[in-house]
């Protein structure tokens, strides 16, 4: 449909509703001359007189009444569509795809999923767990969750949680034969349970205290790619594990 037709038909419906050009002009917040011009142009285009004019009032002709009878439902649908668009602006809806590393999913997202579902019932949330650093745009994702040190420089980031604390843990059965480490440097000689990212990189254990930061490439007999497996192995006394606190 020609866009000019649509605006002129809307003016026609408003004039018929208000019963005058001036009333329609007030309703549409335009000059009366603009209303008169729109109706005259529409009648000229169609070759049909749509409104009967008198000095005191305006009323649809038979042809105009027939047109309005079929036109009003369509204009009502347009109004409803516009109202829905405005409501959608204030009520998030649709699909949301996130790429999230396993650790961040357990620590940052899992505790919030119930509250998110209750707050945004019209959003379908899809979380893809992957430890490799996927390009958010190329992967077809809307956003990604990353640990702070994994942020790329061109990323626009918003913090969603506090700093994550880690701890070195071991089972009593392990410490029956091995000394308890007091400092990161004491880990040399200990059996450490190591984590390998899907990228192939082994996680370096990170420590910080009093402004001092230490990263260690620990050694040990077991390499896994799942935090829960590492925790279970530590419970069984297989070695020391570096785990993030919930």
C-alpha atoms as a PDB file:
ATOM      1  CA  UNK A   1       0.000   0.000   0.000  1.00  0.00           C
ATOM      2  CA  UNK A   2       1.133   3.537  -0.767  1.00  0.00           C
ATOM      3  CA  UNK A   3       2.157   5.146   2.546  1.00  0.00           C
ATOM      4  CA  UNK A   4       0.314   8.339   1.613  1.00  0.00           C
ATOM      5  CA  UNK A   5      -2.928   6.358   1.331  1.00  0.00           C
ATOM      6  CA  UNK A   6      -2.467   4.999   4.845  1.00  0.00           C
ATOM      7  CA  UNK A   7      -2.059   8.423   6.443  1.00  0.00           C
ATOM      8  CA  UNK A   8      -4.980   9.842   4.440  1.00  0.00           C
ATOM      9  CA  UNK A   9      -7.237   6.938   5.427  1.00  0.00           C
ATOM     10  CA  UNK A  10      -6.337   7.537   9.083  1.00  0.00           C
ATOM     11  CA  UNK A  11      -7.335  11.194   8.653  1.00  0.00           C
ATOM     12  CA  UNK A  12     -10.630  10.129   7.040  1.00  0.00           C
ATOM     13  CA  UNK A  13     -11.483   7.853   9.976  1.00  0.00           C
ATOM     14  CA  UNK A  14     -10.656  10.618  12.469  1.00  0.00           C
ATOM     15  CA  UNK A  15     -12.832  13.181  10.636  1.00  0.00           C
ATOM     16  CA  UNK A  16     -15.748  10.741  10.598  1.00  0.00           C
ATOM     17  CA  UNK A  17     -15.290  10.065  14.306  1.00  0.00           C
ATOM     18  CA  UNK A  18     -15.040  13.750  15.288  1.00  0.00           C
ATOM     19  CA  UNK A  19     -17.696  15.004  12.848  1.00  0.00           C
ATOM     20  CA  UNK A  20     -15.632  18.006  11.764  1.00  0.00           C
ATOM     21  CA  UNK A  21     -12.341  19.005  10.230  1.00  0.00           C
ATOM     22  CA  UNK A  22     -11.440  21.171  13.210  1.00  0.00           C
ATOM     23  CA  UNK A  23     -12.152  18.386  15.695  1.00  0.00           C
ATOM     24  CA  UNK A  24     -10.031  15.985  13.659  1.00  0.00           C
ATOM     25  CA  UNK A  25      -7.258  18.577  13.476  1.00  0.00           C
ATOM     26  CA  UNK A  26      -7.233  18.877  17.282  1.00  0.00           C
ATOM     27  CA  UNK A  27      -7.204  15.095  17.662  1.00  0.00           C
ATOM     28  CA  UNK A  28      -4.316  14.707  15.207  1.00  0.00           C
ATOM     29  CA  UNK A  29      -2.465  17.838  16.418  1.00  0.00           C
ATOM     30  CA  UNK A  30      -2.293  19.318  12.902  1.00  0.00           C
ATOM     31  CA  UNK A  31      -3.743  22.368  11.177  1.00  0.00           C
ATOM     32  CA  UNK A  32      -7.345  22.154   9.837  1.00  0.00           C
ATOM     33  CA  UNK A  33      -5.989  22.969   6.386  1.00  0.00           C
ATOM     34  CA  UNK A  34      -3.802  19.837   6.539  1.00  0.00           C
ATOM     35  CA  UNK A  35      -6.881  17.712   7.300  1.00  0.00           C
ATOM     36  CA  UNK A  36      -8.837  19.299   4.442  1.00  0.00           C
ATOM     37  CA  UNK A  37      -5.930  18.768   2.040  1.00  0.00           C
ATOM     38  CA  UNK A  38      -5.575  15.090   3.031  1.00  0.00           C
ATOM     39  CA  UNK A  39      -9.287  14.387   2.426  1.00  0.00           C
ATOM     40  CA  UNK A  40      -9.341  16.280  -0.886  1.00  0.00           C
ATOM     41  CA  UNK A  41      -6.244  14.410  -2.087  1.00  0.00           C
ATOM     42  CA  UNK A  42      -7.747  11.038  -1.112  1.00  0.00           C
ATOM     43  CA  UNK A  43     -11.010  11.796  -2.895  1.00  0.00           C
ATOM     44  CA  UNK A  44      -9.100  12.906  -5.986  1.00  0.00           C
ATOM     45  CA  UNK A  45      -7.017   9.720  -5.990  1.00  0.00           C
ATOM     46  CA  UNK A  46     -10.067   7.475  -5.654  1.00  0.00           C
ATOM     47  CA  UNK A  47     -12.348   9.545  -7.864  1.00  0.00           C
ATOM     48  CA  UNK A  48     -15.072   9.240  -5.229  1.00  0.00           C
ATOM     49  CA  UNK A  49     -16.579  11.776  -2.842  1.00  0.00           C
ATOM     50  CA  UNK A  50     -16.167  10.359   0.643  1.00  0.00           C
ATOM     51  CA  UNK A  51     -17.453  13.149   2.889  1.00  0.00           C
ATOM     52  CA  UNK A  52     -20.493  15.387   2.585  1.00  0.00           C
ATOM     53  CA  UNK A  53     -19.590  18.821   3.892  1.00  0.00           C
ATOM     54  CA  UNK A  54     -21.857  21.532   5.278  1.00  0.00           C
ATOM     55  CA  UNK A  55     -21.119  24.752   7.117  1.00  0.00           C
ATOM     56  CA  UNK A  56     -21.690  23.046  10.467  1.00  0.00           C
ATOM     57  CA  UNK A  57     -20.772  19.380  10.082  1.00  0.00           C
ATOM     58  CA  UNK A  58     -19.150  16.691   8.008  1.00  0.00           C
ATOM     59  CA  UNK A  59     -20.637  13.233   7.422  1.00  0.00           C
ATOM     60  CA  UNK A  60     -19.609  10.266   5.296  1.00  0.00           C
ATOM     61  CA  UNK A  61     -21.273   9.762   1.942  1.00  0.00           C
ATOM     62  CA  UNK A  62     -22.616   6.305   1.121  1.00  0.00           C
ATOM     63  CA  UNK A  63     -19.306   5.438  -0.516  1.00  0.00           C
ATOM     64  CA  UNK A  64     -17.414   6.903   2.413  1.00  0.00           C
ATOM     65  CA  UNK A  65     -19.490   4.932   4.930  1.00  0.00           C
ATOM     66  CA  UNK A  66     -18.831   1.681   3.049  1.00  0.00           C
ATOM     67  CA  UNK A  67     -15.113   2.405   2.969  1.00  0.00           C
ATOM     68  CA  UNK A  68     -15.025   3.256   6.674  1.00  0.00           C
ATOM     69  CA  UNK A  69     -16.926   0.087   7.589  1.00  0.00           C
ATOM     70  CA  UNK A  70     -14.153  -2.010   6.074  1.00  0.00           C
ATOM     71  CA  UNK A  71     -11.370   0.358   7.107  1.00  0.00           C
ATOM     72  CA  UNK A  72     -11.978   0.622  10.866  1.00  0.00           C
ATOM     73  CA  UNK A  73     -11.056  -3.004  11.736  1.00  0.00           C
ATOM     74  CA  UNK A  74      -7.776  -2.621   9.841  1.00  0.00           C
ATOM     75  CA  UNK A  75      -6.939   0.638  11.627  1.00  0.00           C
ATOM     76  CA  UNK A  76      -7.802  -0.981  14.967  1.00  0.00           C
ATOM     77  CA  UNK A  77      -5.363  -3.803  14.188  1.00  0.00           C
ATOM     78  CA  UNK A  78      -2.681  -1.233  13.392  1.00  0.00           C
ATOM     79  CA  UNK A  79      -3.336   0.518  16.717  1.00  0.00           C
ATOM     80  CA  UNK A  80      -3.088  -2.804  18.562  1.00  0.00           C
ATOM     81  CA  UNK A  81       0.164  -3.618  16.767  1.00  0.00           C
ATOM     82  CA  UNK A  82       1.633  -0.256  17.773  1.00  0.00           C
ATOM     83  CA  UNK A  83       0.517  -0.727  21.385  1.00  0.00           C
ATOM     84  CA  UNK A  84       2.119  -4.175  21.429  1.00  0.00           C
ATOM     85  CA  UNK A  85       5.352  -2.699  20.105  1.00  0.00           C
ATOM     86  CA  UNK A  86       5.369  -0.117  22.912  1.00  0.00           C
ATOM     87  CA  UNK A  87       4.652  -2.817  25.516  1.00  0.00           C
ATOM     88  CA  UNK A  88       7.454  -4.980  24.122  1.00  0.00           C
ATOM     89  CA  UNK A  89       9.832  -2.069  24.598  1.00  0.00           C
ATOM     90  CA  UNK A  90       9.100  -2.107  28.327  1.00  0.00           C
ATOM     91  CA  UNK A  91       8.747  -5.905  28.678  1.00  0.00           C
ATOM     92  CA  UNK A  92      11.751  -7.896  27.432  1.00  0.00           C
ATOM     93  CA  UNK A  93      10.790 -10.906  25.337  1.00  0.00           C
ATOM     94  CA  UNK A  94      12.287 -13.293  22.799  1.00  0.00           C
ATOM     95  CA  UNK A  95      15.275 -15.635  22.685  1.00  0.00           C
ATOM     96  CA  UNK A  96      18.565 -14.982  24.503  1.00  0.00           C
ATOM     97  CA  UNK A  97      21.627 -17.146  23.723  1.00  0.00           C
ATOM     98  CA  UNK A  98      24.636 -17.053  26.049  1.00  0.00           C
ATOM     99  CA  UNK A  99      28.043 -18.677  25.755  1.00  0.00           C
ATOM    100  CA  UNK A 100      29.384 -19.441  29.222  1.00  0.00           C
ATOM    101  CA  UNK A 101      32.435 -21.311  30.552  1.00  0.00           C
ATOM    102  CA  UNK A 102      31.580 -24.164  32.900  1.00  0.00           C
ATOM    103  CA  UNK A 103      32.984 -22.527  36.039  1.00  0.00           C
ATOM    104  CA  UNK A 104      31.116 -19.269  35.454  1.00  0.00           C
ATOM    105  CA  UNK A 105      27.901 -21.188  34.793  1.00  0.00           C
ATOM    106  CA  UNK A 106      28.098 -22.968  38.158  1.00  0.00           C
ATOM    107  CA  UNK A 107      29.222 -19.969  40.202  1.00  0.00           C
ATOM    108  CA  UNK A 108      27.528 -16.977  38.557  1.00  0.00           C
ATOM    109  CA  UNK A 109      24.484 -18.204  36.638  1.00  0.00           C
ATOM    110  CA  UNK A 110      23.042 -21.250  38.389  1.00  0.00           C
ATOM    111  CA  UNK A 111      22.102 -19.341  41.597  1.00  0.00           C
ATOM    112  CA  UNK A 112      20.269 -16.721  39.504  1.00  0.00           C
ATOM    113  CA  UNK A 113      18.280 -18.842  37.037  1.00  0.00           C
ATOM    114  CA  UNK A 114      15.141 -19.106  39.168  1.00  0.00           C
ATOM    115  CA  UNK A 115      14.965 -15.368  39.808  1.00  0.00           C
ATOM    116  CA  UNK A 116      15.639 -14.628  36.125  1.00  0.00           C
ATOM    117  CA  UNK A 117      12.840 -16.936  34.955  1.00  0.00           C
ATOM    118  CA  UNK A 118      10.405 -15.307  37.379  1.00  0.00           C
ATOM    119  CA  UNK A 119      11.406 -11.762  36.401  1.00  0.00           C
ATOM    120  CA  UNK A 120      11.421 -12.348  32.622  1.00  0.00           C
ATOM    121  CA  UNK A 121       8.797 -14.992  31.790  1.00  0.00           C
ATOM    122  CA  UNK A 122       8.705 -14.017  28.100  1.00  0.00           C
ATOM    123  CA  UNK A 123      12.410 -14.696  27.515  1.00  0.00           C
ATOM    124  CA  UNK A 124      13.633 -18.088  26.316  1.00  0.00           C
ATOM    125  CA  UNK A 125      17.150 -18.407  27.748  1.00  0.00           C
ATOM    126  CA  UNK A 126      19.617 -20.765  26.065  1.00  0.00           C
ATOM    127  CA  UNK A 127      22.970 -21.308  27.787  1.00  0.00           C
ATOM    128  CA  UNK A 128      25.729 -23.041  25.850  1.00  0.00           C
ATOM    129  CA  UNK A 129      28.502 -24.342  28.119  1.00  0.00           C
ATOM    130  CA  UNK A 130      31.937 -24.213  26.494  1.00  0.00           C
ATOM    131  CA  UNK A 131      35.342 -23.489  27.964  1.00  0.00           C
ATOM    132  CA  UNK A 132      36.938 -22.363  24.702  1.00  0.00           C
ATOM    133  CA  UNK A 133      36.728 -18.648  23.990  1.00  0.00           C
ATOM    134  CA  UNK A 134      34.062 -18.508  21.294  1.00  0.00           C
ATOM    135  CA  UNK A 135      33.563 -15.300  19.324  1.00  0.00           C
ATOM    136  CA  UNK A 136      30.184 -14.080  20.555  1.00  0.00           C
ATOM    137  CA  UNK A 137      29.084 -12.574  17.228  1.00  0.00           C
ATOM    138  CA  UNK A 138      30.407 -15.305  14.934  1.00  0.00           C
ATOM    139  CA  UNK A 139      28.903 -17.979  17.166  1.00  0.00           C
ATOM    140  CA  UNK A 140      25.425 -16.462  16.890  1.00  0.00           C
ATOM    141  CA  UNK A 141      25.265 -15.539  20.567  1.00  0.00           C
ATOM    142  CA  UNK A 142      23.653 -12.456  22.079  1.00  0.00           C
ATOM    143  CA  UNK A 143      26.199 -12.234  24.899  1.00  0.00           C
ATOM    144  CA  UNK A 144      28.787 -14.204  26.808  1.00  0.00           C
ATOM    145  CA  UNK A 145      29.892 -14.614  30.408  1.00  0.00           C
ATOM    146  CA  UNK A 146      33.629 -14.529  31.048  1.00  0.00           C
ATOM    147  CA  UNK A 147      35.927 -14.497  34.037  1.00  0.00           C
ATOM    148  CA  UNK A 148      37.534 -11.076  34.378  1.00  0.00           C
ATOM    149  CA  UNK A 149      41.016 -12.047  33.273  1.00  0.00           C
ATOM    150  CA  UNK A 150      39.586 -13.631  30.111  1.00  0.00           C
ATOM    151  CA  UNK A 151      38.099 -10.423  28.727  1.00  0.00           C
ATOM    152  CA  UNK A 152      39.267  -9.278  25.332  1.00  0.00           C
ATOM    153  CA  UNK A 153      40.046  -5.602  24.916  1.00  0.00           C
ATOM    154  CA  UNK A 154      37.249  -4.925  22.429  1.00  0.00           C
ATOM    155  CA  UNK A 155      34.559  -6.452  24.657  1.00  0.00           C
ATOM    156  CA  UNK A 156      31.907  -4.308  26.321  1.00  0.00           C
ATOM    157  CA  UNK A 157      31.622  -5.856  29.772  1.00  0.00           C
ATOM    158  CA  UNK A 158      29.346  -5.442  32.792  1.00  0.00           C
ATOM    159  CA  UNK A 159      30.222  -7.073  36.120  1.00  0.00           C
ATOM    160  CA  UNK A 160      27.518  -9.523  37.228  1.00  0.00           C
ATOM    161  CA  UNK A 161      29.066 -10.817  40.432  1.00  0.00           C
ATOM    162  CA  UNK A 162      31.767 -10.351  43.064  1.00  0.00           C
ATOM    163  CA  UNK A 163      35.348 -11.570  42.774  1.00  0.00           C
ATOM    164  CA  UNK A 164      35.616 -15.351  42.850  1.00  0.00           C
ATOM    165  CA  UNK A 165      37.763 -16.859  45.592  1.00  0.00           C
ATOM    166  CA  UNK A 166      39.675 -20.085  45.169  1.00  0.00           C
ATOM    167  CA  UNK A 167      41.170 -22.500  47.675  1.00  0.00           C
ATOM    168  CA  UNK A 168      43.534 -25.467  47.645  1.00  0.00           C
ATOM    169  CA  UNK A 169      41.814 -28.446  49.228  1.00  0.00           C
ATOM    170  CA  UNK A 170      42.710 -32.022  50.045  1.00  0.00           C
ATOM    171  CA  UNK A 171      41.197 -34.991  51.835  1.00  0.00           C
ATOM    172  CA  UNK A 172      42.302 -36.125  55.334  1.00  0.00           C
ATOM    173  CA  UNK A 173      43.533 -39.354  53.762  1.00  0.00           C
ATOM    174  CA  UNK A 174      45.888 -37.352  51.524  1.00  0.00           C
ATOM    175  CA  UNK A 175      47.329 -35.364  54.420  1.00  0.00           C
ATOM    176  CA  UNK A 176      48.050 -38.521  56.394  1.00  0.00           C
ATOM    177  CA  UNK A 177      51.015 -39.066  54.103  1.00  0.00           C
ATOM    178  CA  UNK A 178      51.724 -35.539  52.830  1.00  0.00           C
ATOM    179  CA  UNK A 179      52.500 -32.284  54.701  1.00  0.00           C
ATOM    180  CA  UNK A 180      49.966 -29.473  54.665  1.00  0.00           C
ATOM    181  CA  UNK A 181      51.141 -26.599  52.385  1.00  0.00           C
ATOM    182  CA  UNK A 182      51.326 -23.155  54.034  1.00  0.00           C
ATOM    183  CA  UNK A 183      52.464 -21.155  51.007  1.00  0.00           C
ATOM    184  CA  UNK A 184      52.027 -21.622  47.241  1.00  0.00           C
ATOM    185  CA  UNK A 185      55.712 -22.470  46.971  1.00  0.00           C
ATOM    186  CA  UNK A 186      55.064 -25.442  49.279  1.00  0.00           C
ATOM    187  CA  UNK A 187      53.055 -27.101  46.487  1.00  0.00           C
ATOM    188  CA  UNK A 188      56.237 -28.339  44.843  1.00  0.00           C
ATOM    189  CA  UNK A 189      56.334 -32.078  45.390  1.00  0.00           C
ATOM    190  CA  UNK A 190      52.600 -32.373  46.021  1.00  0.00           C
ATOM    191  CA  UNK A 191      50.270 -34.382  43.807  1.00  0.00           C
ATOM    192  CA  UNK A 192      48.090 -31.669  42.256  1.00  0.00           C
ATOM    193  CA  UNK A 193      44.927 -32.395  40.277  1.00  0.00           C
ATOM    194  CA  UNK A 194      45.122 -30.285  37.157  1.00  0.00           C
ATOM    195  CA  UNK A 195      42.412 -28.802  34.917  1.00  0.00           C
ATOM    196  CA  UNK A 196      42.740 -28.600  31.147  1.00  0.00           C
ATOM    197  CA  UNK A 197      40.612 -26.176  29.132  1.00  0.00           C
ATOM    198  CA  UNK A 198      39.067 -27.334  25.857  1.00  0.00           C
ATOM    199  CA  UNK A 199      41.601 -25.063  24.153  1.00  0.00           C
ATOM    200  CA  UNK A 200      44.307 -27.425  25.432  1.00  0.00           C
ATOM    201  CA  UNK A 201      45.726 -24.984  27.974  1.00  0.00           C
ATOM    202  CA  UNK A 202      46.385 -26.235  31.499  1.00  0.00           C
ATOM    203  CA  UNK A 203      45.038 -23.958  34.208  1.00  0.00           C
ATOM    204  CA  UNK A 204      47.762 -22.241  36.241  1.00  0.00           C
ATOM    205  CA  UNK A 205      46.847 -21.995  39.902  1.00  0.00           C
ATOM    206  CA  UNK A 206      46.456 -18.352  40.938  1.00  0.00           C
ATOM    207  CA  UNK A 207      47.155 -16.845  44.361  1.00  0.00           C
ATOM    208  CA  UNK A 208      46.984 -13.305  45.686  1.00  0.00           C
ATOM    209  CA  UNK A 209      47.702 -11.859  49.131  1.00  0.00           C
ATOM    210  CA  UNK A 210      48.726  -8.397  50.238  1.00  0.00           C
ATOM    211  CA  UNK A 211      49.160  -7.240  46.662  1.00  0.00           C
ATOM    212  CA  UNK A 212      51.431 -10.167  45.795  1.00  0.00           C
ATOM    213  CA  UNK A 213      50.232 -12.324  42.889  1.00  0.00           C
ATOM    214  CA  UNK A 214      51.571 -15.780  42.081  1.00  0.00           C
ATOM    215  CA  UNK A 215      50.737 -18.135  39.212  1.00  0.00           C
ATOM    216  CA  UNK A 216      51.951 -21.715  39.408  1.00  0.00           C
ATOM    217  CA  UNK A 217      52.136 -24.427  36.776  1.00  0.00           C
ATOM    218  CA  UNK A 218      51.630 -27.230  39.290  1.00  0.00           C
ATOM    219  CA  UNK A 219      52.469 -30.880  38.667  1.00  0.00           C
ATOM    220  CA  UNK A 220      50.473 -34.008  39.367  1.00  0.00           C
ATOM    221  CA  UNK A 221      49.391 -37.431  38.115  1.00  0.00           C
ATOM    222  CA  UNK A 222      45.850 -36.541  37.045  1.00  0.00           C
ATOM    223  CA  UNK A 223      44.504 -34.077  34.443  1.00  0.00           C
ATOM    224  CA  UNK A 224      40.747 -33.568  34.052  1.00  0.00           C
ATOM    225  CA  UNK A 225      38.456 -31.147  32.225  1.00  0.00           C
ATOM    226  CA  UNK A 226      35.550 -31.062  34.677  1.00  0.00           C
ATOM    227  CA  UNK A 227      35.488 -29.362  38.085  1.00  0.00           C
ATOM    228  CA  UNK A 228      33.229 -31.950  39.712  1.00  0.00           C
ATOM    229  CA  UNK A 229      35.524 -34.789  38.676  1.00  0.00           C
ATOM    230  CA  UNK A 230      38.463 -32.943  40.201  1.00  0.00           C
ATOM    231  CA  UNK A 231      36.524 -32.385  43.436  1.00  0.00           C
ATOM    232  CA  UNK A 232      35.549 -36.056  43.623  1.00  0.00           C
ATOM    233  CA  UNK A 233      39.143 -37.122  42.990  1.00  0.00           C
ATOM    234  CA  UNK A 234      40.316 -34.833  45.792  1.00  0.00           C
ATOM    235  CA  UNK A 235      37.733 -36.319  48.168  1.00  0.00           C
ATOM    236  CA  UNK A 236      39.088 -39.769  47.307  1.00  0.00           C
ATOM    237  CA  UNK A 237      42.583 -38.637  48.306  1.00  0.00           C
ATOM    238  CA  UNK A 238      44.060 -38.587  44.786  1.00  0.00           C
ATOM    239  CA  UNK A 239      45.722 -35.225  45.378  1.00  0.00           C
ATOM    240  CA  UNK A 240      45.236 -31.514  46.011  1.00  0.00           C
ATOM    241  CA  UNK A 241      42.611 -29.593  44.060  1.00  0.00           C
ATOM    242  CA  UNK A 242      42.256 -25.896  43.333  1.00  0.00           C
ATOM    243  CA  UNK A 243      38.524 -25.192  43.569  1.00  0.00           C
ATOM    244  CA  UNK A 244      36.485 -22.019  43.467  1.00  0.00           C
ATOM    245  CA  UNK A 245      34.313 -21.229  46.469  1.00  0.00           C
ATOM    246  CA  UNK A 246      30.544 -21.176  45.905  1.00  0.00           C
END
